[in-house]
Amino acid sequence: MSFKQVWSVIVLGIAGALAIPVLADVVPPGTESEIRERLSPFGSVCRTGEDCGAAAAVADSGPKSGEDVYNQFCFACHMTGASGAPLFADVDAWAPRIDKGMETLMSSTLNGIGVMPAKGTCMSCSDEELQAAVDYIVEGSQ
């Protein structure tokens, strides 16, 4: 072994020995059980067919109303006009869209239009729930 190799081993050994006390200070504060609790998962996944308690009750609560879908998924853009979205209850903005027919409105809702993504980001909504949301918007914009 050459002098250079021996010196490298010595330097690395000293650096490693010096790093151990530094790493000891990195351990987060608290007891082991407190640390374990902070690192526990935030939530869980409920799969179809599993008994998931309250999560199952929410899933079985029935279809969302058009107003509920609008308030949860459509409101952000259609109340602010984000990215050029027509505003809720803006008769002039909605009239030409409504004139194209409900089939066209639903096609735009299901497939997306412009920067609006498919289903308006409500991937868990059924076609019936989305239809109810479109009906709600149309009724409020005539």
C-alpha atoms as a PDB file:
ATOM      1  CA  MET A   1       0.000   0.000   0.000  1.00  0.00           C
ATOM      2  CA  SER A   2       1.400   3.381  -0.943  1.00  0.00           C
ATOM      3  CA  PHE A   3       1.749   6.325   1.428  1.00  0.00           C
ATOM      4  CA  LYS A   4      -1.058   8.135  -0.436  1.00  0.00           C
ATOM      5  CA  GLN A   5      -3.453   5.202   0.028  1.00  0.00           C
ATOM      6  CA  VAL A   6      -2.602   4.871   3.735  1.00  0.00           C
ATOM      7  CA  TRP A   7      -3.066   8.603   4.244  1.00  0.00           C
ATOM      8  CA  SER A   8      -6.515   8.445   2.486  1.00  0.00           C
ATOM      9  CA  VAL A   9      -7.624   5.622   4.822  1.00  0.00           C
ATOM     10  CA  ILE A  10      -6.486   7.603   7.882  1.00  0.00           C
ATOM     11  CA  VAL A  11      -8.237  10.790   6.730  1.00  0.00           C
ATOM     12  CA  LEU A  12     -11.451   8.920   5.906  1.00  0.00           C
ATOM     13  CA  GLY A  13     -11.326   7.143   9.260  1.00  0.00           C
ATOM     14  CA  ILE A  14     -10.917  10.404  11.155  1.00  0.00           C
ATOM     15  CA  ALA A  15     -13.699  12.046   9.120  1.00  0.00           C
ATOM     16  CA  GLY A  16     -15.990   9.097   9.869  1.00  0.00           C
ATOM     17  CA  ALA A  17     -15.192   9.244  13.579  1.00  0.00           C
ATOM     18  CA  LEU A  18     -15.923  12.970  13.633  1.00  0.00           C
ATOM     19  CA  ALA A  19     -19.244  12.493  11.810  1.00  0.00           C
ATOM     20  CA  ILE A  20     -20.701  10.091  14.399  1.00  0.00           C
ATOM     21  CA  PRO A  21     -21.284  12.744  17.100  1.00  0.00           C
ATOM     22  CA  VAL A  22     -22.747  15.084  14.486  1.00  0.00           C
ATOM     23  CA  LEU A  23     -25.267  12.447  13.376  1.00  0.00           C
ATOM     24  CA  ALA A  24     -26.298  11.818  16.984  1.00  0.00           C
ATOM     25  CA  ASP A  25     -27.640  15.392  17.155  1.00  0.00           C
ATOM     26  CA  VAL A  26     -29.863  14.818  14.112  1.00  0.00           C
ATOM     27  CA  VAL A  27     -32.273  12.464  15.914  1.00  0.00           C
ATOM     28  CA  PRO A  28     -35.610  14.274  16.347  1.00  0.00           C
ATOM     29  CA  PRO A  29     -36.725  15.199  19.856  1.00  0.00           C
ATOM     30  CA  GLY A  30     -39.168  13.073  21.825  1.00  0.00           C
ATOM     31  CA  THR A  31     -39.467   9.539  23.023  1.00  0.00           C
ATOM     32  CA  GLU A  32     -39.374   6.633  20.640  1.00  0.00           C
ATOM     33  CA  SER A  33     -43.169   6.234  20.840  1.00  0.00           C
ATOM     34  CA  GLU A  34     -43.716   9.972  20.127  1.00  0.00           C
ATOM     35  CA  ILE A  35     -41.454   9.773  17.096  1.00  0.00           C
ATOM     36  CA  ARG A  36     -43.215   6.613  15.894  1.00  0.00           C
ATOM     37  CA  GLU A  37     -46.604   8.345  16.288  1.00  0.00           C
ATOM     38  CA  ARG A  38     -45.438  11.374  14.263  1.00  0.00           C
ATOM     39  CA  LEU A  39     -44.230   9.064  11.495  1.00  0.00           C
ATOM     40  CA  SER A  40     -47.428   6.990  11.341  1.00  0.00           C
ATOM     41  CA  PRO A  41     -49.478   7.192   8.109  1.00  0.00           C
ATOM     42  CA  PHE A  42     -51.933  10.091   7.825  1.00  0.00           C
ATOM     43  CA  GLY A  43     -54.768   8.040   6.370  1.00  0.00           C
ATOM     44  CA  SER A  44     -55.670   4.706   4.893  1.00  0.00           C
ATOM     45  CA  VAL A  45     -57.229   3.244   1.772  1.00  0.00           C
ATOM     46  CA  CYS A  46     -60.667   1.670   1.864  1.00  0.00           C
ATOM     47  CA  ARG A  47     -61.146  -0.875  -0.908  1.00  0.00           C
ATOM     48  CA  THR A  48     -64.475  -2.082  -2.243  1.00  0.00           C
ATOM     49  CA  GLY A  49     -65.700  -5.023  -0.204  1.00  0.00           C
ATOM     50  CA  GLU A  50     -63.741  -4.101   2.945  1.00  0.00           C
ATOM     51  CA  ASP A  51     -65.445  -2.996   6.150  1.00  0.00           C
ATOM     52  CA  CYS A  52     -64.062   0.517   6.490  1.00  0.00           C
ATOM     53  CA  GLY A  53     -66.438   2.011   9.036  1.00  0.00           C
ATOM     54  CA  ALA A  54     -67.117   5.734   8.533  1.00  0.00           C
ATOM     55  CA  ALA A  55     -65.422   5.799   5.112  1.00  0.00           C
ATOM     56  CA  ALA A  56     -67.952   3.271   3.827  1.00  0.00           C
ATOM     57  CA  ALA A  57     -70.832   5.350   5.193  1.00  0.00           C
ATOM     58  CA  VAL A  58     -69.635   8.385   3.225  1.00  0.00           C
ATOM     59  CA  ALA A  59     -69.278   6.318   0.052  1.00  0.00           C
ATOM     60  CA  ASP A  60     -72.809   4.918   0.465  1.00  0.00           C
ATOM     61  CA  SER A  61     -74.429   8.310   1.096  1.00  0.00           C
ATOM     62  CA  GLY A  62     -75.826   8.366  -2.441  1.00  0.00           C
ATOM     63  CA  PRO A  63     -75.189  10.585  -5.437  1.00  0.00           C
ATOM     64  CA  LYS A  64     -74.117  14.194  -4.956  1.00  0.00           C
ATOM     65  CA  SER A  65     -76.545  16.907  -5.957  1.00  0.00           C
ATOM     66  CA  GLY A  66     -75.695  19.243  -8.815  1.00  0.00           C
ATOM     67  CA  GLU A  67     -75.177  22.059  -6.331  1.00  0.00           C
ATOM     68  CA  ASP A  68     -72.825  19.892  -4.240  1.00  0.00           C
ATOM     69  CA  VAL A  69     -70.745  18.951  -7.295  1.00  0.00           C
ATOM     70  CA  TYR A  70     -70.637  22.601  -8.402  1.00  0.00           C
ATOM     71  CA  ASN A  71     -69.599  23.818  -4.944  1.00  0.00           C
ATOM     72  CA  GLN A  72     -66.872  21.209  -4.636  1.00  0.00           C
ATOM     73  CA  PHE A  73     -65.438  21.022  -8.156  1.00  0.00           C
ATOM     74  CA  CYS A  74     -66.770  23.782 -10.437  1.00  0.00           C
ATOM     75  CA  PHE A  75     -66.915  26.777  -8.109  1.00  0.00           C
ATOM     76  CA  ALA A  76     -63.203  27.674  -8.179  1.00  0.00           C
ATOM     77  CA  CYS A  77     -63.199  28.501 -11.884  1.00  0.00           C
ATOM     78  CA  HIS A  78     -66.831  29.352 -12.622  1.00  0.00           C
ATOM     79  CA  MET A  79     -67.137  31.814  -9.733  1.00  0.00           C
ATOM     80  CA  THR A  80     -63.832  33.574 -10.423  1.00  0.00           C
ATOM     81  CA  GLY A  81     -63.551  33.304 -14.200  1.00  0.00           C
ATOM     82  CA  ALA A  82     -60.194  31.553 -13.881  1.00  0.00           C
ATOM     83  CA  SER A  83     -58.666  30.667 -17.261  1.00  0.00           C
ATOM     84  CA  GLY A  84     -61.603  32.248 -19.058  1.00  0.00           C
ATOM     85  CA  ALA A  85     -64.294  30.051 -17.514  1.00  0.00           C
ATOM     86  CA  PRO A  86     -67.770  31.540 -17.960  1.00  0.00           C
ATOM     87  CA  LEU A  87     -69.053  32.869 -14.644  1.00  0.00           C
ATOM     88  CA  PHE A  88     -71.952  31.220 -12.881  1.00  0.00           C
ATOM     89  CA  ALA A  89     -75.194  33.163 -13.470  1.00  0.00           C
ATOM     90  CA  ASP A  90     -73.641  35.225 -16.297  1.00  0.00           C
ATOM     91  CA  VAL A  91     -76.563  35.024 -18.716  1.00  0.00           C
ATOM     92  CA  ASP A  92     -74.659  36.602 -21.622  1.00  0.00           C
ATOM     93  CA  ALA A  93     -71.689  34.236 -21.268  1.00  0.00           C
ATOM     94  CA  TRP A  94     -73.825  31.112 -20.970  1.00  0.00           C
ATOM     95  CA  ALA A  95     -76.500  31.897 -23.610  1.00  0.00           C
ATOM     96  CA  PRO A  96     -74.434  30.824 -26.656  1.00  0.00           C
ATOM     97  CA  ARG A  97     -73.282  27.702 -24.828  1.00  0.00           C
ATOM     98  CA  ILE A  98     -76.814  26.782 -23.769  1.00  0.00           C
ATOM     99  CA  ASP A  99     -78.022  27.395 -27.350  1.00  0.00           C
ATOM    100  CA  LYS A 100     -75.689  24.596 -28.535  1.00  0.00           C
ATOM    101  CA  GLY A 101     -77.751  22.129 -26.519  1.00  0.00           C
ATOM    102  CA  MET A 102     -77.371  19.978 -23.465  1.00  0.00           C
ATOM    103  CA  GLU A 103     -75.583  17.233 -25.428  1.00  0.00           C
ATOM    104  CA  THR A 104     -72.784  19.671 -26.346  1.00  0.00           C
ATOM    105  CA  LEU A 105     -72.561  20.979 -22.776  1.00  0.00           C
ATOM    106  CA  MET A 106     -72.287  17.426 -21.441  1.00  0.00           C
ATOM    107  CA  SER A 107     -69.688  16.497 -24.046  1.00  0.00           C
ATOM    108  CA  SER A 108     -67.596  19.491 -22.979  1.00  0.00           C
ATOM    109  CA  THR A 109     -68.053  18.519 -19.328  1.00  0.00           C
ATOM    110  CA  LEU A 110     -67.114  14.873 -19.817  1.00  0.00           C
ATOM    111  CA  ASN A 111     -64.222  15.430 -22.234  1.00  0.00           C
ATOM    112  CA  GLY A 112     -63.010  18.870 -21.186  1.00  0.00           C
ATOM    113  CA  ILE A 113     -62.865  22.016 -23.272  1.00  0.00           C
ATOM    114  CA  GLY A 114     -60.118  24.623 -23.538  1.00  0.00           C
ATOM    115  CA  VAL A 115     -58.179  24.468 -20.276  1.00  0.00           C
ATOM    116  CA  MET A 116     -61.067  22.809 -18.411  1.00  0.00           C
ATOM    117  CA  PRO A 117     -60.039  19.207 -17.750  1.00  0.00           C
ATOM    118  CA  ALA A 118     -62.283  16.236 -18.365  1.00  0.00           C
ATOM    119  CA  LYS A 119     -65.062  15.991 -15.783  1.00  0.00           C
ATOM    120  CA  GLY A 120     -63.948  19.348 -14.402  1.00  0.00           C
ATOM    121  CA  THR A 121     -61.507  17.426 -12.136  1.00  0.00           C
ATOM    122  CA  CYS A 122     -64.283  15.326 -10.545  1.00  0.00           C
ATOM    123  CA  MET A 123     -62.986  11.931 -11.625  1.00  0.00           C
ATOM    124  CA  SER A 124     -65.128  10.230  -8.977  1.00  0.00           C
ATOM    125  CA  CYS A 125     -68.363  11.842 -10.233  1.00  0.00           C
ATOM    126  CA  SER A 126     -70.803   9.729 -12.165  1.00  0.00           C
ATOM    127  CA  ASP A 127     -72.228  10.997 -15.453  1.00  0.00           C
ATOM    128  CA  GLU A 128     -75.524  11.573 -13.615  1.00  0.00           C
ATOM    129  CA  GLU A 129     -73.817  13.735 -10.968  1.00  0.00           C
ATOM    130  CA  LEU A 130     -72.070  15.746 -13.675  1.00  0.00           C
ATOM    131  CA  GLN A 131     -75.380  16.116 -15.527  1.00  0.00           C
ATOM    132  CA  ALA A 132     -76.919  17.434 -12.301  1.00  0.00           C
ATOM    133  CA  ALA A 133     -74.061  19.961 -11.991  1.00  0.00           C
ATOM    134  CA  VAL A 134     -74.553  21.121 -15.592  1.00  0.00           C
ATOM    135  CA  ASP A 135     -78.304  21.422 -14.953  1.00  0.00           C
ATOM    136  CA  TYR A 136     -77.576  23.480 -11.829  1.00  0.00           C
ATOM    137  CA  ILE A 137     -75.264  25.829 -13.736  1.00  0.00           C
ATOM    138  CA  VAL A 138     -77.697  26.183 -16.655  1.00  0.00           C
ATOM    139  CA  GLU A 139     -80.642  26.890 -14.331  1.00  0.00           C
ATOM    140  CA  GLY A 140     -78.612  29.512 -12.507  1.00  0.00           C
ATOM    141  CA  SER A 141     -77.468  31.127 -15.738  1.00  0.00           C
ATOM    142  CA  GLN A 142     -80.711  31.702 -17.601  1.00  0.00           C
END
